[in-house]
Every structure is written in C-alpha cells, then in structure tokens.
Amino acid sequence: MGYNTTVVFNNDVVHRMADDPDFIDKLHMGILKVISGNQVPIQIKGGTVATVIETHHADVTTVVASGNNGGEVISTHVPYPGDDLKEAILRDLADSMGYYIAKKPKKRKR
C-alpha cells in the first residue's frame, strides 16, 4: 500500500523547477523530513517552489486545507468497512471541535 504525501506548489515560481538540478533531491528530502510533523518548504533560486504538508499511510484518509502557499491537516480518518467516508470525516472533525452533527429532518410533502 505505501504512503501518500501532500505537497502544495507555488505556481508563481514552479517554472523554475527545471532550472534547479537538485529539485528532485530537495523534494525527496522534504518528504522524508515531513514525517517529523513539521511542514517543509522546498527552496529553489527565486523562492519557495513547494511546501511538503504531510505524509500518511495509504490506508488512511487525510483531509488537507490548502492556502497561503501552505496547508493544514484538517482531519485524519481510518476508514472502517461500510463507512460513508464523507460522513465519518465530518463526524470526526465535529467531535474533535466539541460538536456533534445530526441529519436535517426530512421535508414533508404538502
């Protein structure tokens, strides 16, 4: 199964990746370093081209919000057989913030 990694690229300088012969090595090291839990910026001449946000096992679903040239892990969910993934993530997120969710009542026909 392996691992998945979330990376946010800065489109303003992404065209300069080809000019940096060490870019792939820098990205590789960033992926290895992010396991420590801190985001890792990938620098090239001209600025930060990408930020490695997180890495997780492929059996886990992770929701990441991206913005401000970075990102934040919002929720991590280990799916169980029969789970409605979206609902399970919503419930996990609500619970972590001290809330619970309930379905809206069905509209009655008039």
PDB file of N, CA and C in Angstrom:
ATOM      1  N   MET A   1       0.817  -1.188   0.000  1.00  0.00           N
ATOM      2  CA  MET A   1       0.000   0.000   0.000  1.00  0.00           C
ATOM      3  C   MET A   1       0.863   1.256   0.000  1.00  0.00           C
ATOM      4  N   GLY A   2       1.824   1.375   0.902  1.00  0.00           N
ATOM      5  CA  GLY A   2       2.727   2.515   0.870  1.00  0.00           C
ATOM      6  C   GLY A   2       2.188   3.744   1.573  1.00  0.00           C
ATOM      7  N   TYR A   3       2.767   4.869   1.224  1.00  0.00           N
ATOM      8  CA  TYR A   3       2.426   6.150   1.827  1.00  0.00           C
ATOM      9  C   TYR A   3       2.059   7.160   0.754  1.00  0.00           C
ATOM     10  N   ASN A   4       1.271   8.164   1.149  1.00  0.00           N
ATOM     11  CA  ASN A   4       0.915   9.283   0.285  1.00  0.00           C
ATOM     12  C   ASN A   4       1.426  10.560   0.939  1.00  0.00           C
ATOM     13  N   THR A   5       1.778  11.535   0.115  1.00  0.00           N
ATOM     14  CA  THR A   5       2.304  12.806   0.605  1.00  0.00           C
ATOM     15  C   THR A   5       1.558  13.948  -0.066  1.00  0.00           C
ATOM     16  N   THR A   6       1.220  14.972   0.715  1.00  0.00           N
ATOM     17  CA  THR A   6       0.564  16.166   0.181  1.00  0.00           C
ATOM     18  C   THR A   6       1.606  17.267   0.031  1.00  0.00           C
ATOM     19  N   VAL A   7       1.684  17.814  -1.183  1.00  0.00           N
ATOM     20  CA  VAL A   7       2.626  18.891  -1.486  1.00  0.00           C
ATOM     21  C   VAL A   7       1.845  20.022  -2.150  1.00  0.00           C
ATOM     22  N   VAL A   8       2.063  21.258  -1.694  1.00  0.00           N
ATOM     23  CA  VAL A   8       1.459  22.433  -2.323  1.00  0.00           C
ATOM     24  C   VAL A   8       2.546  23.140  -3.110  1.00  0.00           C
ATOM     25  N   PHE A   9       2.294  23.350  -4.403  1.00  0.00           N
ATOM     26  CA  PHE A   9       3.249  24.048  -5.269  1.00  0.00           C
ATOM     27  C   PHE A   9       2.851  25.505  -5.419  1.00  0.00           C
ATOM     28  N   ASN A  10       3.847  26.391  -5.432  1.00  0.00           N
ATOM     29  CA  ASN A  10       3.651  27.810  -5.675  1.00  0.00           C
ATOM     30  C   ASN A  10       3.785  28.038  -7.181  1.00  0.00           C
ATOM     31  N   ASN A  11       2.672  28.237  -7.854  1.00  0.00           N
ATOM     32  CA  ASN A  11       2.668  28.348  -9.316  1.00  0.00           C
ATOM     33  C   ASN A  11       3.486  29.528  -9.837  1.00  0.00           C
ATOM     34  N   ASP A  12       3.711  30.543  -8.999  1.00  0.00           N
ATOM     35  CA  ASP A  12       4.464  31.713  -9.445  1.00  0.00           C
ATOM     36  C   ASP A  12       5.924  31.392  -9.751  1.00  0.00           C
ATOM     37  N   VAL A  13       6.489  30.367  -9.120  1.00  0.00           N
ATOM     38  CA  VAL A  13       7.898  30.026  -9.355  1.00  0.00           C
ATOM     39  C   VAL A  13       8.082  28.588  -9.834  1.00  0.00           C
ATOM     40  N   VAL A  14       6.985  27.877 -10.073  1.00  0.00           N
ATOM     41  CA  VAL A  14       7.091  26.465 -10.447  1.00  0.00           C
ATOM     42  C   VAL A  14       7.845  26.275 -11.769  1.00  0.00           C
ATOM     43  N   HIS A  15       7.817  27.263 -12.639  1.00  0.00           N
ATOM     44  CA  HIS A  15       8.531  27.159 -13.914  1.00  0.00           C
ATOM     45  C   HIS A  15      10.052  27.102 -13.713  1.00  0.00           C
ATOM     46  N   ARG A  16      10.534  27.484 -12.539  1.00  0.00           N
ATOM     47  CA  ARG A  16      11.972  27.472 -12.265  1.00  0.00           C
ATOM     48  C   ARG A  16      12.475  26.124 -11.757  1.00  0.00           C
ATOM     49  N   MET A  17      11.555  25.170 -11.538  1.00  0.00           N
ATOM     50  CA  MET A  17      11.978  23.848 -11.068  1.00  0.00           C
ATOM     51  C   MET A  17      12.968  23.215 -12.033  1.00  0.00           C
ATOM     52  N   ALA A  18      12.710  23.375 -13.319  1.00  0.00           N
ATOM     53  CA  ALA A  18      13.567  22.756 -14.326  1.00  0.00           C
ATOM     54  C   ALA A  18      14.981  23.331 -14.306  1.00  0.00           C
ATOM     55  N   ASP A  19      15.136  24.553 -13.777  1.00  0.00           N
ATOM     56  CA  ASP A  19      16.452  25.189 -13.716  1.00  0.00           C
ATOM     57  C   ASP A  19      17.272  24.735 -12.506  1.00  0.00           C
ATOM     58  N   ASP A  20      16.653  23.994 -11.590  1.00  0.00           N
ATOM     59  CA  ASP A  20      17.347  23.549 -10.377  1.00  0.00           C
ATOM     60  C   ASP A  20      17.612  22.045 -10.484  1.00  0.00           C
ATOM     61  N   PRO A  21      18.852  21.659 -10.773  1.00  0.00           N
ATOM     62  CA  PRO A  21      19.146  20.238 -10.956  1.00  0.00           C
ATOM     63  C   PRO A  21      18.963  19.418  -9.669  1.00  0.00           C
ATOM     64  N   ASP A  22      18.870  20.099  -8.530  1.00  0.00           N
ATOM     65  CA  ASP A  22      18.703  19.399  -7.250  1.00  0.00           C
ATOM     66  C   ASP A  22      17.255  19.366  -6.769  1.00  0.00           C
ATOM     67  N   PHE A  23      16.326  19.849  -7.593  1.00  0.00           N
ATOM     68  CA  PHE A  23      14.934  19.942  -7.140  1.00  0.00           C
ATOM     69  C   PHE A  23      14.383  18.597  -6.671  1.00  0.00           C
ATOM     70  N   ILE A  24      14.565  17.548  -7.444  1.00  0.00           N
ATOM     71  CA  ILE A  24      14.021  16.231  -7.079  1.00  0.00           C
ATOM     72  C   ILE A  24      14.615  15.760  -5.757  1.00  0.00           C
ATOM     73  N   ASP A  25      15.914  15.968  -5.558  1.00  0.00           N
ATOM     74  CA  ASP A  25      16.541  15.585  -4.291  1.00  0.00           C
ATOM     75  C   ASP A  25      15.975  16.397  -3.129  1.00  0.00           C
ATOM     76  N   LYS A  26      15.757  17.692  -3.355  1.00  0.00           N
ATOM     77  CA  LYS A  26      15.183  18.545  -2.307  1.00  0.00           C
ATOM     78  C   LYS A  26      13.766  18.093  -1.955  1.00  0.00           C
ATOM     79  N   LEU A  27      12.978  17.772  -2.969  1.00  0.00           N
ATOM     80  CA  LEU A  27      11.623  17.292  -2.735  1.00  0.00           C
ATOM     81  C   LEU A  27      11.654  15.967  -1.978  1.00  0.00           C
ATOM     82  N   HIS A  28      12.526  15.072  -2.390  1.00  0.00           N
ATOM     83  CA  HIS A  28      12.667  13.785  -1.717  1.00  0.00           C
ATOM     84  C   HIS A  28      13.015  13.968  -0.246  1.00  0.00           C
ATOM     85  N   MET A  29      13.971  14.833   0.050  1.00  0.00           N
ATOM     86  CA  MET A  29      14.359  15.087   1.440  1.00  0.00           C
ATOM     87  C   MET A  29      13.213  15.731   2.219  1.00  0.00           C
ATOM     88  N   GLY A  30      12.467  16.607   1.573  1.00  0.00           N
ATOM     89  CA  GLY A  30      11.303  17.229   2.226  1.00  0.00           C
ATOM     90  C   GLY A  30      10.255  16.201   2.610  1.00  0.00           C
ATOM     91  N   ILE A  31      10.035  15.230   1.731  1.00  0.00           N
ATOM     92  CA  ILE A  31       9.075  14.160   2.022  1.00  0.00           C
ATOM     93  C   ILE A  31       9.557  13.325   3.206  1.00  0.00           C
ATOM     94  N   LEU A  32      10.849  13.059   3.260  1.00  0.00           N
ATOM     95  CA  LEU A  32      11.386  12.292   4.388  1.00  0.00           C
ATOM     96  C   LEU A  32      11.318  13.097   5.696  1.00  0.00           C
ATOM     97  N   LYS A  33      11.569  14.401   5.625  1.00  0.00           N
ATOM     98  CA  LYS A  33      11.587  15.241   6.822  1.00  0.00           C
ATOM     99  C   LYS A  33      10.191  15.518   7.381  1.00  0.00           C
ATOM    100  N   VAL A  34       9.170  15.548   6.521  1.00  0.00           N
ATOM    101  CA  VAL A  34       7.827  15.922   6.984  1.00  0.00           C
ATOM    102  C   VAL A  34       7.245  14.894   7.947  1.00  0.00           C
ATOM    103  N   ILE A  35       7.813  13.713   7.967  1.00  0.00           N
ATOM    104  CA  ILE A  35       7.341  12.679   8.894  1.00  0.00           C
ATOM    105  C   ILE A  35       7.460  13.165  10.341  1.00  0.00           C
ATOM    106  N   SER A  36       8.380  14.092  10.598  1.00  0.00           N
ATOM    107  CA  SER A  36       8.548  14.636  11.951  1.00  0.00           C
ATOM    108  C   SER A  36       7.357  15.475  12.383  1.00  0.00           C
ATOM    109  N   GLY A  37       6.481  15.824  11.445  1.00  0.00           N
ATOM    110  CA  GLY A  37       5.280  16.572  11.789  1.00  0.00           C
ATOM    111  C   GLY A  37       5.307  18.036  11.418  1.00  0.00           C
ATOM    112  N   ASN A  38       6.430  18.545  10.948  1.00  0.00           N
ATOM    113  CA  ASN A  38       6.519  19.946  10.550  1.00  0.00           C
ATOM    114  C   ASN A  38       6.509  20.066   9.036  1.00  0.00           C
ATOM    115  N   GLN A  39       5.834  21.095   8.529  1.00  0.00           N
ATOM    116  CA  GLN A  39       5.843  21.339   7.096  1.00  0.00           C
ATOM    117  C   GLN A  39       7.260  21.676   6.651  1.00  0.00           C
ATOM    118  N   VAL A  40       7.578  21.302   5.421  1.00  0.00           N
ATOM    119  CA  VAL A  40       8.934  21.501   4.909  1.00  0.00           C
ATOM    120  C   VAL A  40       8.877  22.314   3.619  1.00  0.00           C
ATOM    121  N   PRO A  41       9.397  23.559   3.628  1.00  0.00           N
ATOM    122  CA  PRO A  41       9.457  24.343   2.401  1.00  0.00           C
ATOM    123  C   PRO A  41      10.580  23.834   1.499  1.00  0.00           C
ATOM    124  N   ILE A  42      10.317  23.827   0.195  1.00  0.00           N
ATOM    125  CA  ILE A  42      11.312  23.422  -0.795  1.00  0.00           C
ATOM    126  C   ILE A  42      11.777  24.686  -1.513  1.00  0.00           C
ATOM    127  N   GLN A  43      13.021  25.077  -1.262  1.00  0.00           N
ATOM    128  CA  GLN A  43      13.573  26.314  -1.796  1.00  0.00           C
ATOM    129  C   GLN A  43      14.347  26.064  -3.089  1.00  0.00           C
ATOM    130  N   ILE A  44      14.154  26.957  -4.045  1.00  0.00           N
ATOM    131  CA  ILE A  44      14.987  27.000  -5.242  1.00  0.00           C
ATOM    132  C   ILE A  44      15.344  28.462  -5.469  1.00  0.00           C
ATOM    133  N   LYS A  45      16.225  28.699  -6.419  1.00  0.00           N
ATOM    134  CA  LYS A  45      16.565  30.088  -6.746  1.00  0.00           C
ATOM    135  C   LYS A  45      15.279  30.782  -7.194  1.00  0.00           C
ATOM    136  N   GLY A  46      14.929  31.851  -6.534  1.00  0.00           N
ATOM    137  CA  GLY A  46      13.703  32.562  -6.868  1.00  0.00           C
ATOM    138  C   GLY A  46      12.624  32.409  -5.808  1.00  0.00           C
ATOM    139  N   GLY A  47      12.840  31.525  -4.839  1.00  0.00           N
ATOM    140  CA  GLY A  47      11.862  31.422  -3.759  1.00  0.00           C
ATOM    141  C   GLY A  47      11.465  30.004  -3.410  1.00  0.00           C
ATOM    142  N   THR A  48      10.395  29.919  -2.643  1.00  0.00           N
ATOM    143  CA  THR A  48       9.851  28.622  -2.234  1.00  0.00           C
ATOM    144  C   THR A  48       8.959  28.116  -3.354  1.00  0.00           C
ATOM    145  N   VAL A  49       9.324  26.988  -3.934  1.00  0.00           N
ATOM    146  CA  VAL A  49       8.554  26.443  -5.042  1.00  0.00           C
ATOM    147  C   VAL A  49       7.445  25.507  -4.567  1.00  0.00           C
ATOM    148  N   ALA A  50       7.646  24.913  -3.396  1.00  0.00           N
ATOM    149  CA  ALA A  50       6.651  23.968  -2.886  1.00  0.00           C
ATOM    150  C   ALA A  50       6.800  23.855  -1.375  1.00  0.00           C
ATOM    151  N   THR A  51       5.742  23.353  -0.749  1.00  0.00           N
ATOM    152  CA  THR A  51       5.781  23.036   0.673  1.00  0.00           C
ATOM    153  C   THR A  51       5.218  21.643   0.859  1.00  0.00           C
ATOM    154  N   VAL A  52       5.999  20.777   1.477  1.00  0.00           N
ATOM    155  CA  VAL A  52       5.530  19.426   1.790  1.00  0.00           C
ATOM    156  C   VAL A  52       4.702  19.562   3.065  1.00  0.00           C
ATOM    157  N   ILE A  53       3.425  19.210   2.988  1.00  0.00           N
ATOM    158  CA  ILE A  53       2.490  19.442   4.089  1.00  0.00           C
ATOM    159  C   ILE A  53       2.459  18.274   5.072  1.00  0.00           C
ATOM    160  N   GLU A  54       2.304  17.062   4.559  1.00  0.00           N
ATOM    161  CA  GLU A  54       2.172  15.899   5.431  1.00  0.00           C
ATOM    162  C   GLU A  54       2.358  14.636   4.626  1.00  0.00           C
ATOM    163  N   THR A  55       2.524  13.533   5.341  1.00  0.00           N
ATOM    164  CA  THR A  55       2.555  12.221   4.718  1.00  0.00           C
ATOM    165  C   THR A  55       1.764  11.269   5.598  1.00  0.00           C
ATOM    166  N   HIS A  56       1.115  10.303   4.978  1.00  0.00           N
ATOM    167  CA  HIS A  56       0.297   9.363   5.737  1.00  0.00           C
ATOM    168  C   HIS A  56       0.218   8.029   4.994  1.00  0.00           C
ATOM    169  N   HIS A  57      -0.114   6.982   5.732  1.00  0.00           N
ATOM    170  CA  HIS A  57      -0.252   5.659   5.131  1.00  0.00           C
ATOM    171  C   HIS A  57      -1.435   5.658   4.177  1.00  0.00           C
ATOM    172  N   ALA A  58      -1.317   4.913   3.114  1.00  0.00           N
ATOM    173  CA  ALA A  58      -2.343   4.887   2.074  1.00  0.00           C
ATOM    174  C   ALA A  58      -3.679   4.329   2.562  1.00  0.00           C
ATOM    175  N   ASP A  59      -3.694   3.609   3.674  1.00  0.00           N
ATOM    176  CA  ASP A  59      -4.956   3.088   4.214  1.00  0.00           C
ATOM    177  C   ASP A  59      -5.731   4.137   5.005  1.00  0.00           C
ATOM    178  N   VAL A  60      -5.142   5.302   5.193  1.00  0.00           N
ATOM    179  CA  VAL A  60      -5.751   6.383   5.968  1.00  0.00           C
ATOM    180  C   VAL A  60      -6.188   7.475   5.003  1.00  0.00           C
ATOM    181  N   THR A  61      -7.322   8.106   5.301  1.00  0.00           N
ATOM    182  CA  THR A  61      -7.778   9.245   4.508  1.00  0.00           C
ATOM    183  C   THR A  61      -7.474  10.511   5.293  1.00  0.00           C
ATOM    184  N   THR A  62      -6.773  11.456   4.658  1.00  0.00           N
ATOM    185  CA  THR A  62      -6.403  12.714   5.299  1.00  0.00           C
ATOM    186  C   THR A  62      -7.004  13.865   4.508  1.00  0.00           C
ATOM    187  N   VAL A  63      -7.662  14.780   5.207  1.00  0.00           N
ATOM    188  CA  VAL A  63      -8.228  15.981   4.585  1.00  0.00           C
ATOM    189  C   VAL A  63      -7.280  17.129   4.896  1.00  0.00           C
ATOM    190  N   VAL A  64      -6.823  17.809   3.841  1.00  0.00           N
ATOM    191  CA  VAL A  64      -5.881  18.917   3.989  1.00  0.00           C
ATOM    192  C   VAL A  64      -6.497  20.167   3.360  1.00  0.00           C
ATOM    193  N   ALA A  65      -6.474  21.269   4.099  1.00  0.00           N
ATOM    194  CA  ALA A  65      -6.908  22.553   3.555  1.00  0.00           C
ATOM    195  C   ALA A  65      -5.665  23.281   3.068  1.00  0.00           C
ATOM    196  N   SER A  66      -5.683  23.752   1.822  1.00  0.00           N
ATOM    197  CA  SER A  66      -4.521  24.467   1.303  1.00  0.00           C
ATOM    198  C   SER A  66      -4.851  25.943   1.140  1.00  0.00           C
ATOM    199  N   GLY A  67      -3.850  26.769   1.411  1.00  0.00           N
ATOM    200  CA  GLY A  67      -3.990  28.212   1.269  1.00  0.00           C
ATOM    201  C   GLY A  67      -2.744  28.895   1.789  1.00  0.00           C
ATOM    202  N   ASN A  68      -2.556  30.145   1.411  1.00  0.00           N
ATOM    203  CA  ASN A  68      -1.383  30.923   1.863  1.00  0.00           C
ATOM    204  C   ASN A  68      -0.073  30.194   1.571  1.00  0.00           C
ATOM    205  N   ASN A  69       0.008  29.549   0.420  1.00  0.00           N
ATOM    206  CA  ASN A  69       1.201  28.812  -0.016  1.00  0.00           C
ATOM    207  C   ASN A  69       1.570  27.674   0.935  1.00  0.00           C
ATOM    208  N   GLY A  70       0.603  27.152   1.621  1.00  0.00           N
ATOM    209  CA  GLY A  70       0.844  26.040   2.530  1.00  0.00           C
ATOM    210  C   GLY A  70      -0.426  25.232   2.712  1.00  0.00           C
ATOM    211  N   GLY A  71      -0.518  24.562   3.826  1.00  0.00           N
ATOM    212  CA  GLY A  71      -1.706  23.772   4.091  1.00  0.00           C
ATOM    213  C   GLY A  71      -1.769  23.349   5.538  1.00  0.00           C
ATOM    214  N   GLU A  72      -2.898  22.785   5.903  1.00  0.00           N
ATOM    215  CA  GLU A  72      -3.114  22.328   7.272  1.00  0.00           C
ATOM    216  C   GLU A  72      -3.929  21.050   7.241  1.00  0.00           C
ATOM    217  N   VAL A  73      -3.490  20.073   8.016  1.00  0.00           N
ATOM    218  CA  VAL A  73      -4.251  18.829   8.130  1.00  0.00           C
ATOM    219  C   VAL A  73      -5.500  19.141   8.942  1.00  0.00           C
ATOM    220  N   ILE A  74      -6.644  18.864   8.354  1.00  0.00           N
ATOM    221  CA  ILE A  74      -7.928  19.131   8.997  1.00  0.00           C
ATOM    222  C   ILE A  74      -8.456  17.895   9.706  1.00  0.00           C
ATOM    223  N   SER A  75      -8.279  16.747   9.072  1.00  0.00           N
ATOM    224  CA  SER A  75      -8.815  15.513   9.644  1.00  0.00           C
ATOM    225  C   SER A  75      -8.047  14.326   9.095  1.00  0.00           C
ATOM    226  N   THR A  76      -7.877  13.336   9.937  1.00  0.00           N
ATOM    227  CA  THR A  76      -7.291  12.064   9.526  1.00  0.00           C
ATOM    228  C   THR A  76      -8.258  10.978   9.961  1.00  0.00           C
ATOM    229  N   HIS A  77      -8.609  10.110   9.039  1.00  0.00           N
ATOM    230  CA  HIS A  77      -9.628   9.102   9.332  1.00  0.00           C
ATOM    231  C   HIS A  77      -9.172   7.736   8.845  1.00  0.00           C
ATOM    232  N   VAL A  78      -9.304   6.752   9.716  1.00  0.00           N
ATOM    233  CA  VAL A  78      -9.054   5.364   9.330  1.00  0.00           C
ATOM    234  C   VAL A  78     -10.411   4.770   8.986  1.00  0.00           C
ATOM    235  N   PRO A  79     -10.669   4.516   7.711  1.00  0.00           N
ATOM    236  CA  PRO A  79     -11.991   4.023   7.326  1.00  0.00           C
ATOM    237  C   PRO A  79     -12.243   2.593   7.811  1.00  0.00           C
ATOM    238  N   TYR A  80     -13.466   2.352   8.160  1.00  0.00           N
ATOM    239  CA  TYR A  80     -13.914   1.023   8.541  1.00  0.00           C
ATOM    240  C   TYR A  80     -14.850   0.505   7.468  1.00  0.00           C
ATOM    241  N   PRO A  81     -14.907  -0.808   7.265  1.00  0.00           N
ATOM    242  CA  PRO A  81     -15.813  -1.354   6.243  1.00  0.00           C
ATOM    243  C   PRO A  81     -17.237  -0.845   6.465  1.00  0.00           C
ATOM    244  N   GLY A  82     -17.852  -0.408   5.404  1.00  0.00           N
ATOM    245  CA  GLY A  82     -19.232   0.077   5.473  1.00  0.00           C
ATOM    246  C   GLY A  82     -19.358   1.547   5.816  1.00  0.00           C
ATOM    247  N   ASP A  83     -18.251   2.228   6.149  1.00  0.00           N
ATOM    248  CA  ASP A  83     -18.297   3.663   6.451  1.00  0.00           C
ATOM    249  C   ASP A  83     -18.737   4.466   5.242  1.00  0.00           C
ATOM    250  N   ASP A  84     -19.536   5.482   5.477  1.00  0.00           N
ATOM    251  CA  ASP A  84     -19.736   6.544   4.498  1.00  0.00           C
ATOM    252  C   ASP A  84     -18.591   7.508   4.791  1.00  0.00           C
ATOM    253  N   LEU A  85     -17.574   7.516   3.945  1.00  0.00           N
ATOM    254  CA  LEU A  85     -16.332   8.231   4.237  1.00  0.00           C
ATOM    255  C   LEU A  85     -16.562   9.706   4.536  1.00  0.00           C
ATOM    256  N   LYS A  86     -17.353  10.378   3.720  1.00  0.00           N
ATOM    257  CA  LYS A  86     -17.573  11.811   3.940  1.00  0.00           C
ATOM    258  C   LYS A  86     -18.245  12.065   5.284  1.00  0.00           C
ATOM    259  N   GLU A  87     -19.238  11.259   5.605  1.00  0.00           N
ATOM    260  CA  GLU A  87     -19.931  11.440   6.880  1.00  0.00           C
ATOM    261  C   GLU A  87     -19.006  11.124   8.054  1.00  0.00           C
ATOM    262  N   ALA A  88     -18.219  10.074   7.930  1.00  0.00           N
ATOM    263  CA  ALA A  88     -17.298   9.697   9.004  1.00  0.00           C
ATOM    264  C   ALA A  88     -16.283  10.807   9.260  1.00  0.00           C
ATOM    265  N   ILE A  89     -15.754  11.407   8.195  1.00  0.00           N
ATOM    266  CA  ILE A  89     -14.796  12.502   8.347  1.00  0.00           C
ATOM    267  C   ILE A  89     -15.478  13.703   8.995  1.00  0.00           C
ATOM    268  N   LEU A  90     -16.686  14.012   8.560  1.00  0.00           N
ATOM    269  CA  LEU A  90     -17.430  15.131   9.141  1.00  0.00           C
ATOM    270  C   LEU A  90     -17.672  14.904  10.632  1.00  0.00           C
ATOM    271  N   ARG A  91     -18.057  13.693  10.994  1.00  0.00           N
ATOM    272  CA  ARG A  91     -18.303  13.377  12.410  1.00  0.00           C
ATOM    273  C   ARG A  91     -16.997  13.461  13.219  1.00  0.00           C
ATOM    274  N   ASP A  92     -15.903  12.933  12.675  1.00  0.00           N
ATOM    275  CA  ASP A  92     -14.610  13.018  13.358  1.00  0.00           C
ATOM    276  C   ASP A  92     -14.209  14.470  13.597  1.00  0.00           C
ATOM    277  N   LEU A  93     -14.358  15.295  12.567  1.00  0.00           N
ATOM    278  CA  LEU A  93     -13.981  16.697  12.664  1.00  0.00           C
ATOM    279  C   LEU A  93     -14.853  17.425  13.684  1.00  0.00           C
ATOM    280  N   ALA A  94     -16.156  17.211  13.622  1.00  0.00           N
ATOM    281  CA  ALA A  94     -17.065  17.857  14.576  1.00  0.00           C
ATOM    282  C   ALA A  94     -16.731  17.435  16.002  1.00  0.00           C
ATOM    283  N   ASP A  95     -16.493  16.146  16.194  1.00  0.00           N
ATOM    284  CA  ASP A  95     -16.179  15.635  17.530  1.00  0.00           C
ATOM    285  C   ASP A  95     -14.888  16.253  18.071  1.00  0.00           C
ATOM    286  N   SER A  96     -13.883  16.408  17.214  1.00  0.00           N
ATOM    287  CA  SER A  96     -12.607  16.974  17.664  1.00  0.00           C
ATOM    288  C   SER A  96     -12.744  18.433  18.087  1.00  0.00           C
ATOM    289  N   MET A  97     -13.798  19.096  17.622  1.00  0.00           N
ATOM    290  CA  MET A  97     -14.026  20.500  17.965  1.00  0.00           C
ATOM    291  C   MET A  97     -15.108  20.658  19.046  1.00  0.00           C
ATOM    292  N   GLY A  98     -15.592  19.522  19.555  1.00  0.00           N
ATOM    293  CA  GLY A  98     -16.588  19.581  20.620  1.00  0.00           C
ATOM    294  C   GLY A  98     -18.022  19.685  20.135  1.00  0.00           C
ATOM    295  N   TYR A  99     -18.262  19.340  18.889  1.00  0.00           N
ATOM    296  CA  TYR A  99     -19.606  19.398  18.318  1.00  0.00           C
ATOM    297  C   TYR A  99     -20.067  17.997  17.946  1.00  0.00           C
ATOM    298  N   TYR A 100     -21.326  17.896  17.672  1.00  0.00           N
ATOM    299  CA  TYR A 100     -21.863  16.687  17.069  1.00  0.00           C
ATOM    300  C   TYR A 100     -22.732  17.115  15.910  1.00  0.00           C
ATOM    301  N   ILE A 101     -23.017  16.205  15.022  1.00  0.00           N
ATOM    302  CA  ILE A 101     -23.852  16.544  13.876  1.00  0.00           C
ATOM    303  C   ILE A 101     -25.116  15.697  13.922  1.00  0.00           C
ATOM    304  N   ALA A 102     -26.117  16.217  13.299  1.00  0.00           N
ATOM    305  CA  ALA A 102     -27.388  15.498  13.173  1.00  0.00           C
ATOM    306  C   ALA A 102     -27.934  15.776  11.786  1.00  0.00           C
ATOM    307  N   LYS A 103     -28.608  14.799  11.229  1.00  0.00           N
ATOM    308  CA  LYS A 103     -29.212  14.991   9.910  1.00  0.00           C
ATOM    309  C   LYS A 103     -30.372  15.955  10.004  1.00  0.00           C
ATOM    310  N   LYS A 104     -30.573  16.699   8.933  1.00  0.00           N
ATOM    311  CA  LYS A 104     -31.730  17.576   8.859  1.00  0.00           C
ATOM    312  C   LYS A 104     -32.986  16.715   8.786  1.00  0.00           C
ATOM    313  N   PRO A 105     -34.068  17.202   9.348  1.00  0.00           N
ATOM    314  CA  PRO A 105     -35.311  16.417   9.222  1.00  0.00           C
ATOM    315  C   PRO A 105     -35.762  16.406   7.762  1.00  0.00           C
ATOM    316  N   LYS A 106     -36.365  15.300   7.374  1.00  0.00           N
ATOM    317  CA  LYS A 106     -36.867  15.198   6.003  1.00  0.00           C
ATOM    318  C   LYS A 106     -38.012  16.182   5.806  1.00  0.00           C
ATOM    319  N   LYS A 107     -38.035  16.803   4.643  1.00  0.00           N
ATOM    320  CA  LYS A 107     -39.119  17.726   4.337  1.00  0.00           C
ATOM    321  C   LYS A 107     -40.380  16.925   4.094  1.00  0.00           C
ATOM    322  N   ARG A 108     -41.453  17.430   4.676  1.00  0.00           N
ATOM    323  CA  ARG A 108     -42.742  16.752   4.486  1.00  0.00           C
ATOM    324  C   ARG A 108     -43.393  17.258   3.217  1.00  0.00           C
ATOM    325  N   LYS A 109     -44.092  16.356   2.544  1.00  0.00           N
ATOM    326  CA  LYS A 109     -44.851  16.749   1.360  1.00  0.00           C
ATOM    327  C   LYS A 109     -46.117  17.457   1.806  1.00  0.00           C
ATOM    328  N   ARG A 110     -46.479  18.441   1.087  1.00  0.00           N
ATOM    329  CA  ARG A 110     -47.699  19.210   1.442  1.00  0.00           C
ATOM    330  C   ARG A 110     -48.891  18.674   0.740  1.00  0.00           C
TER     331      ARG A 110
END
